[in-house]
PDB file of N, CA and C in Angstrom:
ATOM      1  N   UNK A   1       5.425   5.248  -8.046  1.00  0.00           N
ATOM      2  CA  UNK A   1       5.153   6.243  -7.024  1.00  0.00           C
ATOM      3  C   UNK A   1       6.197   6.084  -5.916  1.00  0.00           C
ATOM      4  N   UNK A   2       6.713   7.201  -5.442  1.00  0.00           N
ATOM      5  CA  UNK A   2       7.749   7.140  -4.421  1.00  0.00           C
ATOM      6  C   UNK A   2       7.127   7.051  -3.030  1.00  0.00           C
ATOM      7  N   UNK A   3       7.944   6.657  -2.074  1.00  0.00           N
ATOM      8  CA  UNK A   3       7.465   6.522  -0.702  1.00  0.00           C
ATOM      9  C   UNK A   3       7.048   7.880  -0.155  1.00  0.00           C
ATOM     10  N   UNK A   4       7.789   8.924  -0.489  1.00  0.00           N
ATOM     11  CA  UNK A   4       7.435  10.250   0.028  1.00  0.00           C
ATOM     12  C   UNK A   4       6.069  10.693  -0.502  1.00  0.00           C
ATOM     13  N   UNK A   5       5.754  10.337  -1.741  1.00  0.00           N
ATOM     14  CA  UNK A   5       4.424  10.660  -2.275  1.00  0.00           C
ATOM     15  C   UNK A   5       3.351   9.845  -1.578  1.00  0.00           C
ATOM     16  N   UNK A   6       3.657   8.589  -1.297  1.00  0.00           N
ATOM     17  CA  UNK A   6       2.682   7.732  -0.627  1.00  0.00           C
ATOM     18  C   UNK A   6       2.436   8.171   0.812  1.00  0.00           C
ATOM     19  N   UNK A   7       3.459   8.690   1.471  1.00  0.00           N
ATOM     20  CA  UNK A   7       3.319   9.123   2.870  1.00  0.00           C
ATOM     21  C   UNK A   7       2.328  10.275   3.019  1.00  0.00           C
ATOM     22  N   UNK A   8       2.118  11.035   1.965  1.00  0.00           N
ATOM     23  CA  UNK A   8       1.190  12.163   2.045  1.00  0.00           C
ATOM     24  C   UNK A   8      -0.267  11.721   1.961  1.00  0.00           C
ATOM     25  N   UNK A   9      -0.510  10.482   1.569  1.00  0.00           N
ATOM     26  CA  UNK A   9      -1.873   9.984   1.406  1.00  0.00           C
ATOM     27  C   UNK A   9      -2.456   9.566   2.751  1.00  0.00           C
ATOM     28  N   UNK A  10      -3.768   9.679   2.874  1.00  0.00           N
ATOM     29  CA  UNK A  10      -4.451   9.234   4.088  1.00  0.00           C
ATOM     30  C   UNK A  10      -4.580   7.711   4.059  1.00  0.00           C
ATOM     31  N   UNK A  11      -5.043   7.162   5.148  1.00  0.00           N
ATOM     32  CA  UNK A  11      -5.207   5.711   5.248  1.00  0.00           C
ATOM     33  C   UNK A  11      -6.202   5.196   4.206  1.00  0.00           C
ATOM     34  N   UNK A  12      -7.303   5.911   4.030  1.00  0.00           N
ATOM     35  CA  UNK A  12      -8.299   5.509   3.031  1.00  0.00           C
ATOM     36  C   UNK A  12      -7.739   5.577   1.616  1.00  0.00           C
ATOM     37  N   UNK A  13      -6.967   6.632   1.341  1.00  0.00           N
ATOM     38  CA  UNK A  13      -6.365   6.767   0.012  1.00  0.00           C
ATOM     39  C   UNK A  13      -5.343   5.669  -0.244  1.00  0.00           C
ATOM     40  N   UNK A  14      -4.607   5.288   0.801  1.00  0.00           N
ATOM     41  CA  UNK A  14      -3.641   4.192   0.651  1.00  0.00           C
ATOM     42  C   UNK A  14      -4.349   2.869   0.372  1.00  0.00           C
ATOM     43  N   UNK A  15      -5.469   2.643   1.047  1.00  0.00           N
ATOM     44  CA  UNK A  15      -6.232   1.418   0.800  1.00  0.00           C
ATOM     45  C   UNK A  15      -6.736   1.389  -0.641  1.00  0.00           C
ATOM     46  N   UNK A  16      -7.213   2.528  -1.129  1.00  0.00           N
ATOM     47  CA  UNK A  16      -7.685   2.624  -2.511  1.00  0.00           C
ATOM     48  C   UNK A  16      -6.526   2.385  -3.483  1.00  0.00           C
ATOM     49  N   UNK A  17      -5.384   2.976  -3.205  1.00  0.00           N
ATOM     50  CA  UNK A  17      -4.204   2.806  -4.066  1.00  0.00           C
ATOM     51  C   UNK A  17      -3.792   1.337  -4.085  1.00  0.00           C
ATOM     52  N   UNK A  18      -3.862   0.666  -2.945  1.00  0.00           N
ATOM     53  CA  UNK A  18      -3.527  -0.751  -2.876  1.00  0.00           C
ATOM     54  C   UNK A  18      -4.461  -1.587  -3.742  1.00  0.00           C
ATOM     55  N   UNK A  19      -5.756  -1.271  -3.699  1.00  0.00           N
ATOM     56  CA  UNK A  19      -6.722  -1.988  -4.541  1.00  0.00           C
ATOM     57  C   UNK A  19      -6.424  -1.768  -6.020  1.00  0.00           C
ATOM     58  N   UNK A  20      -6.119  -0.512  -6.369  1.00  0.00           N
ATOM     59  CA  UNK A  20      -5.807  -0.206  -7.773  1.00  0.00           C
ATOM     60  C   UNK A  20      -4.568  -0.969  -8.240  1.00  0.00           C
ATOM     61  N   UNK A  21      -3.552  -1.007  -7.390  1.00  0.00           N
ATOM     62  CA  UNK A  21      -2.324  -1.710  -7.759  1.00  0.00           C
ATOM     63  C   UNK A  21      -2.557  -3.215  -7.893  1.00  0.00           C
ATOM     64  N   UNK A  22      -3.379  -3.780  -7.002  1.00  0.00           N
ATOM     65  CA  UNK A  22      -3.681  -5.216  -7.096  1.00  0.00           C
ATOM     66  C   UNK A  22      -4.448  -5.531  -8.379  1.00  0.00           C
ATOM     67  N   UNK A  23      -5.385  -4.650  -8.737  1.00  0.00           N
ATOM     68  CA  UNK A  23      -6.125  -4.834  -9.989  1.00  0.00           C
ATOM     69  C   UNK A  23      -5.185  -4.756 -11.187  1.00  0.00           C
ATOM     70  N   UNK A  24      -4.271  -3.799 -11.144  1.00  0.00           N
ATOM     71  CA  UNK A  24      -3.318  -3.642 -12.233  1.00  0.00           C
ATOM     72  C   UNK A  24      -2.382  -4.848 -12.321  1.00  0.00           C
ATOM     73  N   UNK A  25      -1.975  -5.379 -11.166  1.00  0.00           N
ATOM     74  CA  UNK A  25      -1.128  -6.572 -11.146  1.00  0.00           C
ATOM     75  C   UNK A  25      -1.868  -7.763 -11.739  1.00  0.00           C
ATOM     76  N   UNK A  26      -3.126  -7.919 -11.367  1.00  0.00           N
ATOM     77  CA  UNK A  26      -3.929  -9.016 -11.909  1.00  0.00           C
ATOM     78  C   UNK A  26      -4.012  -8.907 -13.426  1.00  0.00           C
ATOM     79  N   UNK A  27      -4.287  -7.708 -13.905  1.00  0.00           N
ATOM     80  CA  UNK A  27      -4.382  -7.473 -15.340  1.00  0.00           C
ATOM     81  C   UNK A  27      -3.055  -7.781 -16.038  1.00  0.00           C
ATOM     82  N   UNK A  28      -1.962  -7.366 -15.425  1.00  0.00           N
ATOM     83  CA  UNK A  28      -0.646  -7.621 -16.012  1.00  0.00           C
ATOM     84  C   UNK A  28      -0.334  -9.121 -16.048  1.00  0.00           C
ATOM     85  N   UNK A  29      -0.745  -9.844 -15.018  1.00  0.00           N
ATOM     86  CA  UNK A  29      -0.523 -11.299 -15.010  1.00  0.00           C
ATOM     87  C   UNK A  29      -1.309 -11.979 -16.122  1.00  0.00           C
ATOM     88  N   UNK A  30      -2.525 -11.511 -16.354  1.00  0.00           N
ATOM     89  CA  UNK A  30      -3.335 -12.072 -17.441  1.00  0.00           C
ATOM     90  C   UNK A  30      -2.679 -11.772 -18.782  1.00  0.00           C
ATOM     91  N   UNK A  31      -2.226 -10.530 -18.947  1.00  0.00           N
ATOM     92  CA  UNK A  31      -1.558 -10.167 -20.208  1.00  0.00           C
ATOM     93  C   UNK A  31      -0.279 -10.981 -20.411  1.00  0.00           C
ATOM     94  N   UNK A  32       0.436 -11.257 -19.318  1.00  0.00           N
ATOM     95  CA  UNK A  32       1.659 -12.064 -19.434  1.00  0.00           C
ATOM     96  C   UNK A  32       1.321 -13.486 -19.870  1.00  0.00           C
ATOM     97  N   UNK A  33       0.273 -14.034 -19.298  1.00  0.00           N
ATOM     98  CA  UNK A  33      -0.077 -15.422 -19.624  1.00  0.00           C
ATOM     99  C   UNK A  33      -0.556 -15.568 -21.063  1.00  0.00           C
ATOM    100  N   UNK A  34      -1.086 -14.491 -21.621  1.00  0.00           N
ATOM    101  CA  UNK A  34      -1.520 -14.532 -23.021  1.00  0.00           C
ATOM    102  C   UNK A  34      -0.451 -13.950 -23.958  1.00  0.00           C
ATOM    103  N   UNK A  35       0.733 -13.715 -23.387  1.00  0.00           N
ATOM    104  CA  UNK A  35       1.887 -13.198 -24.127  1.00  0.00           C
ATOM    105  C   UNK A  35       1.630 -11.847 -24.774  1.00  0.00           C
ATOM    106  N   UNK A  36       0.853 -11.006 -24.095  1.00  0.00           N
ATOM    107  CA  UNK A  36       0.588  -9.653 -24.580  1.00  0.00           C
ATOM    108  C   UNK A  36       1.331  -8.603 -23.770  1.00  0.00           C
ATOM    109  N   UNK A  37       2.011  -9.022 -22.721  1.00  0.00           N
ATOM    110  CA  UNK A  37       2.740  -8.088 -21.870  1.00  0.00           C
ATOM    111  C   UNK A  37       4.167  -7.956 -22.392  1.00  0.00           C
ATOM    112  N   UNK A  38       4.515  -6.750 -22.824  1.00  0.00           N
ATOM    113  CA  UNK A  38       5.844  -6.524 -23.373  1.00  0.00           C
ATOM    114  C   UNK A  38       6.873  -6.275 -22.278  1.00  0.00           C
ATOM    115  N   UNK A  39       6.502  -5.542 -21.246  1.00  0.00           N
ATOM    116  CA  UNK A  39       7.422  -5.198 -20.175  1.00  0.00           C
ATOM    117  C   UNK A  39       7.163  -6.101 -18.970  1.00  0.00           C
ATOM    118  N   UNK A  40       7.850  -7.217 -18.909  1.00  0.00           N
ATOM    119  CA  UNK A  40       7.614  -8.165 -17.814  1.00  0.00           C
ATOM    120  C   UNK A  40       8.143  -7.645 -16.483  1.00  0.00           C
ATOM    121  N   UNK A  41       9.013  -6.649 -16.506  1.00  0.00           N
ATOM    122  CA  UNK A  41       9.514  -6.055 -15.262  1.00  0.00           C
ATOM    123  C   UNK A  41       8.400  -5.324 -14.520  1.00  0.00           C
ATOM    124  N   UNK A  42       7.332  -5.007 -15.225  1.00  0.00           N
ATOM    125  CA  UNK A  42       6.196  -4.324 -14.610  1.00  0.00           C
ATOM    126  C   UNK A  42       5.637  -5.136 -13.438  1.00  0.00           C
ATOM    127  N   UNK A  43       5.649  -6.452 -13.562  1.00  0.00           N
ATOM    128  CA  UNK A  43       5.127  -7.295 -12.486  1.00  0.00           C
ATOM    129  C   UNK A  43       5.894  -7.060 -11.184  1.00  0.00           C
ATOM    130  N   UNK A  44       7.202  -7.036 -11.268  1.00  0.00           N
ATOM    131  CA  UNK A  44       8.018  -6.797 -10.077  1.00  0.00           C
ATOM    132  C   UNK A  44       7.802  -5.419  -9.495  1.00  0.00           C
ATOM    133  N   UNK A  45       7.688  -4.421 -10.363  1.00  0.00           N
ATOM    134  CA  UNK A  45       7.455  -3.053  -9.898  1.00  0.00           C
ATOM    135  C   UNK A  45       6.114  -2.945  -9.173  1.00  0.00           C
ATOM    136  N   UNK A  46       5.088  -3.588  -9.729  1.00  0.00           N
ATOM    137  CA  UNK A  46       3.769  -3.540  -9.098  1.00  0.00           C
ATOM    138  C   UNK A  46       3.784  -4.233  -7.737  1.00  0.00           C
ATOM    139  N   UNK A  47       4.456  -5.374  -7.654  1.00  0.00           N
ATOM    140  CA  UNK A  47       4.542  -6.084  -6.375  1.00  0.00           C
ATOM    141  C   UNK A  47       5.236  -5.235  -5.323  1.00  0.00           C
ATOM    142  N   UNK A  48       6.302  -4.544  -5.720  1.00  0.00           N
ATOM    143  CA  UNK A  48       7.026  -3.696  -4.772  1.00  0.00           C
ATOM    144  C   UNK A  48       6.180  -2.495  -4.353  1.00  0.00           C
ATOM    145  N   UNK A  49       5.438  -1.928  -5.286  1.00  0.00           N
ATOM    146  CA  UNK A  49       4.556  -0.812  -4.947  1.00  0.00           C
ATOM    147  C   UNK A  49       3.475  -1.254  -3.966  1.00  0.00           C
ATOM    148  N   UNK A  50       2.927  -2.441  -4.182  1.00  0.00           N
ATOM    149  CA  UNK A  50       1.910  -2.974  -3.266  1.00  0.00           C
ATOM    150  C   UNK A  50       2.521  -3.159  -1.876  1.00  0.00           C
ATOM    151  N   UNK A  51       3.735  -3.674  -1.818  1.00  0.00           N
ATOM    152  CA  UNK A  51       4.412  -3.861  -0.530  1.00  0.00           C
ATOM    153  C   UNK A  51       4.647  -2.523   0.164  1.00  0.00           C
ATOM    154  N   UNK A  52       5.025  -1.497  -0.600  1.00  0.00           N
ATOM    155  CA  UNK A  52       5.219  -0.165  -0.019  1.00  0.00           C
ATOM    156  C   UNK A  52       3.921   0.361   0.591  1.00  0.00           C
ATOM    157  N   UNK A  53       2.834   0.218  -0.149  1.00  0.00           N
ATOM    158  CA  UNK A  53       1.536   0.694   0.337  1.00  0.00           C
ATOM    159  C   UNK A  53       1.144  -0.064   1.605  1.00  0.00           C
ATOM    160  N   UNK A  54       1.311  -1.369   1.602  1.00  0.00           N
ATOM    161  CA  UNK A  54       0.954  -2.177   2.776  1.00  0.00           C
ATOM    162  C   UNK A  54       1.815  -1.801   3.982  1.00  0.00           C
ATOM    163  N   UNK A  55       3.089  -1.545   3.763  1.00  0.00           N
ATOM    164  CA  UNK A  55       3.986  -1.147   4.848  1.00  0.00           C
ATOM    165  C   UNK A  55       3.542   0.179   5.448  1.00  0.00           C
ATOM    166  N   UNK A  56       3.206   1.140   4.596  1.00  0.00           N
ATOM    167  CA  UNK A  56       2.753   2.434   5.096  1.00  0.00           C
ATOM    168  C   UNK A  56       1.420   2.325   5.831  1.00  0.00           C
ATOM    169  N   UNK A  57       0.538   1.471   5.334  1.00  0.00           N
ATOM    170  CA  UNK A  57      -0.734   1.258   6.034  1.00  0.00           C
ATOM    171  C   UNK A  57      -0.489   0.684   7.427  1.00  0.00           C
ATOM    172  N   UNK A  58       0.415  -0.271   7.513  1.00  0.00           N
ATOM    173  CA  UNK A  58       0.748  -0.869   8.806  1.00  0.00           C
ATOM    174  C   UNK A  58       1.328   0.177   9.746  1.00  0.00           C
ATOM    175  N   UNK A  59       2.223   1.028   9.224  1.00  0.00           N
ATOM    176  CA  UNK A  59       2.809   2.089  10.042  1.00  0.00           C
ATOM    177  C   UNK A  59       1.738   3.042  10.541  1.00  0.00           C
ATOM    178  N   UNK A  60       0.840   3.462   9.653  1.00  0.00           N
ATOM    179  CA  UNK A  60      -0.210   4.404  10.047  1.00  0.00           C
ATOM    180  C   UNK A  60      -1.152   3.785  11.082  1.00  0.00           C
ATOM    181  N   UNK A  61      -1.507   2.534  10.880  1.00  0.00           N
ATOM    182  CA  UNK A  61      -2.405   1.867  11.834  1.00  0.00           C
ATOM    183  C   UNK A  61      -1.715   1.678  13.181  1.00  0.00           C
ATOM    184  N   UNK A  62      -0.444   1.346  13.153  1.00  0.00           N
ATOM    185  CA  UNK A  62       0.313   1.176  14.383  1.00  0.00           C
ATOM    186  C   UNK A  62       0.425   2.495  15.132  1.00  0.00           C
ATOM    187  N   UNK A  63       0.659   3.573  14.397  1.00  0.00           N
ATOM    188  CA  UNK A  63       0.753   4.889  15.026  1.00  0.00           C
ATOM    189  C   UNK A  63      -0.580   5.290  15.642  1.00  0.00           C
ATOM    190  N   UNK A  64      -1.674   4.950  14.979  1.00  0.00           N
ATOM    191  CA  UNK A  64      -3.003   5.275  15.494  1.00  0.00           C
ATOM    192  C   UNK A  64      -3.272   4.511  16.788  1.00  0.00           C
ATOM    193  N   UNK A  65      -2.962   3.241  16.794  1.00  0.00           N
ATOM    194  CA  UNK A  65      -3.173   2.419  17.989  1.00  0.00           C
ATOM    195  C   UNK A  65      -2.279   2.905  19.118  1.00  0.00           C
ATOM    196  N   UNK A  66      -1.035   3.239  18.789  1.00  0.00           N
ATOM    197  CA  UNK A  66      -0.100   3.731  19.796  1.00  0.00           C
ATOM    198  C   UNK A  66      -0.585   5.049  20.402  1.00  0.00           C
ATOM    199  N   UNK A  67      -1.091   5.937  19.557  1.00  0.00           N
ATOM    200  CA  UNK A  67      -1.599   7.222  20.041  1.00  0.00           C
ATOM    201  C   UNK A  67      -2.816   7.022  20.935  1.00  0.00           C
ATOM    202  N   UNK A  68      -3.688   6.099  20.563  1.00  0.00           N
ATOM    203  CA  UNK A  68      -4.874   5.824  21.378  1.00  0.00           C
ATOM    204  C   UNK A  68      -4.475   5.225  22.717  1.00  0.00           C
ATOM    205  N   UNK A  69      -3.482   4.346  22.712  1.00  0.00           N
ATOM    206  CA  UNK A  69      -3.010   3.731  23.954  1.00  0.00           C
ATOM    207  C   UNK A  69      -2.408   4.777  24.871  1.00  0.00           C
ATOM    208  N   UNK A  70      -1.617   5.682  24.303  1.00  0.00           N
ATOM    209  CA  UNK A  70      -1.019   6.752  25.112  1.00  0.00           C
ATOM    210  C   UNK A  70      -2.091   7.681  25.664  1.00  0.00           C
ATOM    211  N   UNK A  71      -3.122   7.961  24.889  1.00  0.00           N
ATOM    212  CA  UNK A  71      -4.208   8.822  25.356  1.00  0.00           C
ATOM    213  C   UNK A  71      -4.956   8.155  26.502  1.00  0.00           C
ATOM    214  N   UNK A  72      -5.149   6.834  26.395  1.00  0.00           N
ATOM    215  CA  UNK A  72      -5.829   6.105  27.461  1.00  0.00           C
ATOM    216  C   UNK A  72      -5.010   6.119  28.758  1.00  0.00           C
ATOM    217  N   UNK A  73      -3.719   5.980  28.609  1.00  0.00           N
ATOM    218  CA  UNK A  73      -2.845   5.994  29.807  1.00  0.00           C
ATOM    219  C   UNK A  73      -2.871   7.371  30.466  1.00  0.00           C
ATOM    220  N   UNK A  74      -2.926   8.419  29.660  1.00  0.00           N
ATOM    221  CA  UNK A  74      -2.991   9.773  30.200  1.00  0.00           C
ATOM    222  C   UNK A  74      -4.295  10.032  30.912  1.00  0.00           C
ATOM    223  N   UNK A  75      -5.370   9.441  30.434  1.00  0.00           N
ATOM    224  CA  UNK A  75      -6.688   9.627  31.034  1.00  0.00           C
ATOM    225  C   UNK A  75      -6.781   8.907  32.381  1.00  0.00           C
ATOM    226  N   UNK A  76      -6.045   7.797  32.514  1.00  0.00           N
ATOM    227  CA  UNK A  76      -6.096   7.032  33.755  1.00  0.00           C
ATOM    228  C   UNK A  76      -5.309   7.704  34.863  1.00  0.00           C
ATOM    229  N   UNK A  77      -4.305   8.461  34.508  1.00  0.00           N
ATOM    230  CA  UNK A  77      -3.423   9.068  35.529  1.00  0.00           C
ATOM    231  C   UNK A  77      -4.030  10.214  36.250  1.00  0.00           C
TER     232      UNK A  77
END
């Protein structure tokens, strides 16, 4: 999944996608340990996808906090 596709998702959808990717990574690690995983590059791709999702979640949460802080400052003035 590309970053532009991930950016269109809401915070809740990103959290769900992160859980799905972690589950898939766990499954892939088990398959690797039992020598049933043919494409070992999948592990790296999943880790990078998880990092992308986490980065976007952090950005969205930071933007939310920043917007709330700016709204509070406007209310005080």
